[in-house]
PDB file of N, CA and C in Angstrom:
ATOM      1  N   MET A   1       1.052  -1.121  -0.158  1.00  0.00           N
ATOM      2  CA  MET A   1      -0.010  -0.129  -0.283  1.00  0.00           C
ATOM      3  C   MET A   1       0.384   1.455   0.024  1.00  0.00           C
ATOM      4  N   THR A   2       0.313   2.118  -0.542  1.00  0.00           N
ATOM      5  CA  THR A   2       1.164   3.636  -0.557  1.00  0.00           C
ATOM      6  C   THR A   2       0.139   4.626   0.098  1.00  0.00           C
ATOM      7  N   LEU A   3       0.332   4.884   0.907  1.00  0.00           N
ATOM      8  CA  LEU A   3       0.139   6.707   1.830  1.00  0.00           C
ATOM      9  C   LEU A   3       1.058   7.769   1.315  1.00  0.00           C
ATOM     10  N   LYS A   4      -0.221   8.928   0.896  1.00  0.00           N
ATOM     11  CA  LYS A   4       0.752   9.666   0.583  1.00  0.00           C
ATOM     12  C   LYS A   4       0.549  10.751   1.938  1.00  0.00           C
ATOM     13  N   PHE A   5       1.060  11.396   2.338  1.00  0.00           N
ATOM     14  CA  PHE A   5       1.331  12.230   3.633  1.00  0.00           C
ATOM     15  C   PHE A   5       1.134  13.456   3.380  1.00  0.00           C
ATOM     16  N   LYS A   6       0.756  14.371   3.911  1.00  0.00           N
ATOM     17  CA  LYS A   6       0.560  15.910   3.791  1.00  0.00           C
ATOM     18  C   LYS A   6       1.849  16.724   3.093  1.00  0.00           C
ATOM     19  N   ASP A   7       2.752  16.640   3.833  1.00  0.00           N
ATOM     20  CA  ASP A   7       4.250  17.295   3.135  1.00  0.00           C
ATOM     21  C   ASP A   7       4.457  16.267   1.687  1.00  0.00           C
ATOM     22  N   GLY A   8       3.647  16.367   1.414  1.00  0.00           N
ATOM     23  CA  GLY A   8       3.897  15.292  -0.245  1.00  0.00           C
ATOM     24  C   GLY A   8       4.989  14.036  -0.250  1.00  0.00           C
ATOM     25  N   TRP A   9       5.380  13.519   1.187  1.00  0.00           N
ATOM     26  CA  TRP A   9       5.766  12.731   0.942  1.00  0.00           C
ATOM     27  C   TRP A   9       5.225  11.301   0.191  1.00  0.00           C
ATOM     28  N   HIS A  10       5.363   9.788  -0.094  1.00  0.00           N
ATOM     29  CA  HIS A  10       4.654   8.964  -0.254  1.00  0.00           C
ATOM     30  C   HIS A  10       5.539   7.841   0.295  1.00  0.00           C
ATOM     31  N   TYR A  11       4.891   6.758   1.128  1.00  0.00           N
ATOM     32  CA  TYR A  11       5.424   6.108   1.621  1.00  0.00           C
ATOM     33  C   TYR A  11       4.985   4.766   1.353  1.00  0.00           C
ATOM     34  N   ILE A  12       6.168   3.417   0.805  1.00  0.00           N
ATOM     35  CA  ILE A  12       4.986   2.426   0.031  1.00  0.00           C
ATOM     36  C   ILE A  12       5.552   0.936   1.011  1.00  0.00           C
ATOM     37  N   TYR A  13       4.097   0.718   1.613  1.00  0.00           N
ATOM     38  CA  TYR A  13       4.566  -0.908   3.147  1.00  0.00           C
ATOM     39  C   TYR A  13       3.853  -1.905   1.850  1.00  0.00           C
ATOM     40  N   ASN A  14       4.367  -3.445   2.272  1.00  0.00           N
ATOM     41  CA  ASN A  14       4.673  -3.924   1.771  1.00  0.00           C
ATOM     42  C   ASN A  14       4.907  -5.440   2.769  1.00  0.00           C
ATOM     43  N   SER A  15       4.483  -6.232   1.829  1.00  0.00           N
ATOM     44  CA  SER A  15       4.796  -7.507   2.752  1.00  0.00           C
ATOM     45  C   SER A  15       6.031  -8.090   3.217  1.00  0.00           C
ATOM     46  N   ILE A  16       7.113  -7.164   2.844  1.00  0.00           N
ATOM     47  CA  ILE A  16       8.228  -7.383   2.745  1.00  0.00           C
ATOM     48  C   ILE A  16       8.865  -6.617   4.009  1.00  0.00           C
ATOM     49  N   ARG A  17       8.075  -5.049   4.212  1.00  0.00           N
ATOM     50  CA  ARG A  17       8.374  -4.534   5.193  1.00  0.00           C
ATOM     51  C   ARG A  17       7.293  -3.553   5.389  1.00  0.00           C
ATOM     52  N   PRO A  18       6.843  -3.374   5.752  1.00  0.00           N
ATOM     53  CA  PRO A  18       6.736  -3.803   7.455  1.00  0.00           C
ATOM     54  C   PRO A  18       6.479  -5.265   7.661  1.00  0.00           C
ATOM     55  N   GLY A  19       5.503  -5.892   6.643  1.00  0.00           N
ATOM     56  CA  GLY A  19       4.948  -7.557   6.723  1.00  0.00           C
ATOM     57  C   GLY A  19       3.510  -7.355   6.689  1.00  0.00           C
ATOM     58  N   GLN A  20       3.002  -8.530   5.987  1.00  0.00           N
ATOM     59  CA  GLN A  20       2.123  -8.337   5.455  1.00  0.00           C
ATOM     60  C   GLN A  20       0.595  -8.210   6.795  1.00  0.00           C
ATOM     61  N   ALA A  21       0.735  -9.035   7.719  1.00  0.00           N
ATOM     62  CA  ALA A  21       0.496  -8.489   8.813  1.00  0.00           C
ATOM     63  C   ALA A  21      -0.175  -7.249   9.057  1.00  0.00           C
ATOM     64  N   ASP A  22       1.226  -6.969   9.192  1.00  0.00           N
ATOM     65  CA  ASP A  22       0.943  -5.326   9.560  1.00  0.00           C
ATOM     66  C   ASP A  22       0.091  -3.957   8.495  1.00  0.00           C
ATOM     67  N   VAL A  23       0.306  -4.170   7.464  1.00  0.00           N
ATOM     68  CA  VAL A  23      -0.001  -4.211   6.603  1.00  0.00           C
ATOM     69  C   VAL A  23      -1.784  -4.448   6.209  1.00  0.00           C
ATOM     70  N   ASP A  24      -1.604  -5.533   6.921  1.00  0.00           N
ATOM     71  CA  ASP A  24      -3.442  -6.057   6.277  1.00  0.00           C
ATOM     72  C   ASP A  24      -4.195  -5.125   7.827  1.00  0.00           C
ATOM     73  N   VAL A  25      -3.448  -4.909   9.006  1.00  0.00           N
ATOM     74  CA  VAL A  25      -4.213  -3.953  10.156  1.00  0.00           C
ATOM     75  C   VAL A  25      -3.909  -2.485   9.604  1.00  0.00           C
ATOM     76  N   MET A  26      -2.778  -2.105   8.804  1.00  0.00           N
ATOM     77  CA  MET A  26      -2.954  -0.413   8.083  1.00  0.00           C
ATOM     78  C   MET A  26      -4.304  -0.396   7.334  1.00  0.00           C
ATOM     79  N   LYS A  27      -4.351  -1.697   6.512  1.00  0.00           N
ATOM     80  CA  LYS A  27      -5.764  -1.102   5.317  1.00  0.00           C
ATOM     81  C   LYS A  27      -6.705  -1.050   6.630  1.00  0.00           C
ATOM     82  N   ALA A  28      -7.003  -1.553   7.286  1.00  0.00           N
ATOM     83  CA  ALA A  28      -8.244  -1.901   7.829  1.00  0.00           C
ATOM     84  C   ALA A  28      -8.261  -0.736   8.154  1.00  0.00           C
ATOM     85  N   MET A  29      -7.181  -0.049   9.168  1.00  0.00           N
ATOM     86  CA  MET A  29      -7.759   1.197   9.771  1.00  0.00           C
ATOM     87  C   MET A  29      -7.941   2.256   8.641  1.00  0.00           C
ATOM     88  N   ALA A  30      -7.259   2.455   7.840  1.00  0.00           N
ATOM     89  CA  ALA A  30      -7.351   3.394   6.472  1.00  0.00           C
ATOM     90  C   ALA A  30      -8.774   3.014   5.964  1.00  0.00           C
ATOM     91  N   LYS A  31      -9.376   1.799   5.881  1.00  0.00           N
ATOM     92  CA  LYS A  31     -11.171   1.905   5.700  1.00  0.00           C
ATOM     93  C   LYS A  31     -12.546   2.078   6.702  1.00  0.00           C
ATOM     94  N   THR A  32     -11.246   2.172   7.808  1.00  0.00           N
ATOM     95  CA  THR A  32     -12.948   3.032   9.092  1.00  0.00           C
ATOM     96  C   THR A  32     -12.101   4.308   8.754  1.00  0.00           C
ATOM     97  N   GLY A  33     -10.638   4.567   9.061  1.00  0.00           N
ATOM     98  CA  GLY A  33     -10.459   6.259   8.894  1.00  0.00           C
ATOM     99  C   GLY A  33      -9.958   6.243  10.414  1.00  0.00           C
ATOM    100  N   SER A  34      -9.800   5.565  10.774  1.00  0.00           N
ATOM    101  CA  SER A  34      -8.835   5.711  12.525  1.00  0.00           C
ATOM    102  C   SER A  34      -8.605   4.513  13.015  1.00  0.00           C
ATOM    103  N   GLY A  35      -7.130   5.705  13.896  1.00  0.00           N
ATOM    104  CA  GLY A  35      -6.257   4.526  14.311  1.00  0.00           C
ATOM    105  C   GLY A  35      -4.746   4.578  13.825  1.00  0.00           C
ATOM    106  N   LEU A  36      -4.940   4.877  11.989  1.00  0.00           N
ATOM    107  CA  LEU A  36      -3.701   4.965  11.344  1.00  0.00           C
ATOM    108  C   LEU A  36      -2.605   5.689  11.409  1.00  0.00           C
ATOM    109  N   HIS A  37      -2.432   6.923  11.836  1.00  0.00           N
ATOM    110  CA  HIS A  37      -1.719   7.624  11.949  1.00  0.00           C
ATOM    111  C   HIS A  37      -0.466   7.251  13.550  1.00  0.00           C
ATOM    112  N   GLY A  38      -1.648   6.927  14.372  1.00  0.00           N
ATOM    113  CA  GLY A  38      -1.203   6.613  16.015  1.00  0.00           C
ATOM    114  C   GLY A  38      -0.219   5.229  15.594  1.00  0.00           C
ATOM    115  N   PHE A  39      -1.494   4.347  14.828  1.00  0.00           N
ATOM    116  CA  PHE A  39      -0.872   2.936  14.461  1.00  0.00           C
ATOM    117  C   PHE A  39       0.986   3.104  13.973  1.00  0.00           C
ATOM    118  N   ILE A  40       1.034   3.607  12.426  1.00  0.00           N
ATOM    119  CA  ILE A  40       2.054   4.324  12.293  1.00  0.00           C
ATOM    120  C   ILE A  40       3.037   4.539  13.408  1.00  0.00           C
ATOM    121  N   ASN A  41       2.978   5.836  13.666  1.00  0.00           N
ATOM    122  CA  ASN A  41       4.058   6.244  15.249  1.00  0.00           C
ATOM    123  C   ASN A  41       4.259   5.645  15.623  1.00  0.00           C
ATOM    124  N   ARG A  42       3.405   4.672  16.698  1.00  0.00           N
ATOM    125  CA  ARG A  42       3.487   3.503  17.563  1.00  0.00           C
ATOM    126  C   ARG A  42       4.342   2.316  17.217  1.00  0.00           C
ATOM    127  N   LYS A  43       4.484   1.327  16.243  1.00  0.00           N
ATOM    128  CA  LYS A  43       4.572   0.314  15.634  1.00  0.00           C
ATOM    129  C   LYS A  43       4.800   0.665  14.763  1.00  0.00           C
ATOM    130  N   ILE A  44       5.159   1.313  13.209  1.00  0.00           N
ATOM    131  CA  ILE A  44       6.055   0.898  12.130  1.00  0.00           C
ATOM    132  C   ILE A  44       7.377   2.168  11.956  1.00  0.00           C
ATOM    133  N   ARG A  45       7.104   3.008  12.006  1.00  0.00           N
ATOM    134  CA  ARG A  45       8.310   3.823  12.299  1.00  0.00           C
ATOM    135  C   ARG A  45       8.497   4.325  10.860  1.00  0.00           C
ATOM    136  N   ASN A  46      10.002   4.090  10.984  1.00  0.00           N
ATOM    137  CA  ASN A  46      10.611   3.874   9.528  1.00  0.00           C
ATOM    138  C   ASN A  46      10.930   2.510   8.950  1.00  0.00           C
ATOM    139  N   ASN A  47       9.943   1.981   8.897  1.00  0.00           N
ATOM    140  CA  ASN A  47      10.199   0.814   8.818  1.00  0.00           C
ATOM    141  C   ASN A  47       8.775   0.497   8.012  1.00  0.00           C
ATOM    142  N   TYR A  48       9.674   1.752   6.381  1.00  0.00           N
ATOM    143  CA  TYR A  48       8.411   1.230   5.403  1.00  0.00           C
ATOM    144  C   TYR A  48       9.378   0.636   4.299  1.00  0.00           C
ATOM    145  N   PHE A  49       8.762   0.385   2.880  1.00  0.00           N
ATOM    146  CA  PHE A  49       9.529   0.070   1.704  1.00  0.00           C
ATOM    147  C   PHE A  49      10.254   0.852   1.427  1.00  0.00           C
ATOM    148  N   HIS A  50       9.669   1.387   1.160  1.00  0.00           N
ATOM    149  CA  HIS A  50      10.205   2.772   0.116  1.00  0.00           C
ATOM    150  C   HIS A  50       9.645   4.367   0.302  1.00  0.00           C
ATOM    151  N   LYS A  51      10.205   5.893   0.125  1.00  0.00           N
ATOM    152  CA  LYS A  51      10.183   6.444   0.374  1.00  0.00           C
ATOM    153  C   LYS A  51      10.238   7.556  -0.823  1.00  0.00           C
ATOM    154  N   TYR A  52       9.221   8.362  -1.364  1.00  0.00           N
ATOM    155  CA  TYR A  52       9.908   8.899  -2.793  1.00  0.00           C
ATOM    156  C   TYR A  52       8.794  10.265  -2.468  1.00  0.00           C
ATOM    157  N   HIS A  53       9.435  11.686  -3.032  1.00  0.00           N
ATOM    158  CA  HIS A  53       8.557  12.903  -2.797  1.00  0.00           C
ATOM    159  C   HIS A  53       7.846  13.154  -4.481  1.00  0.00           C
TER     160      HIS A  53
END
């Protein structure tokens, strides 16, 4: 999955980094619109596959 943040940076998360289980949780949070930002800050941090502007 790819997320674009307000600062213009895109972050790619996949089965390699941070892993499929975390990506599945992130997708569920994105669908409900709740908790994704906090989850990324608490658990994922810099464990993304790729970052680009």
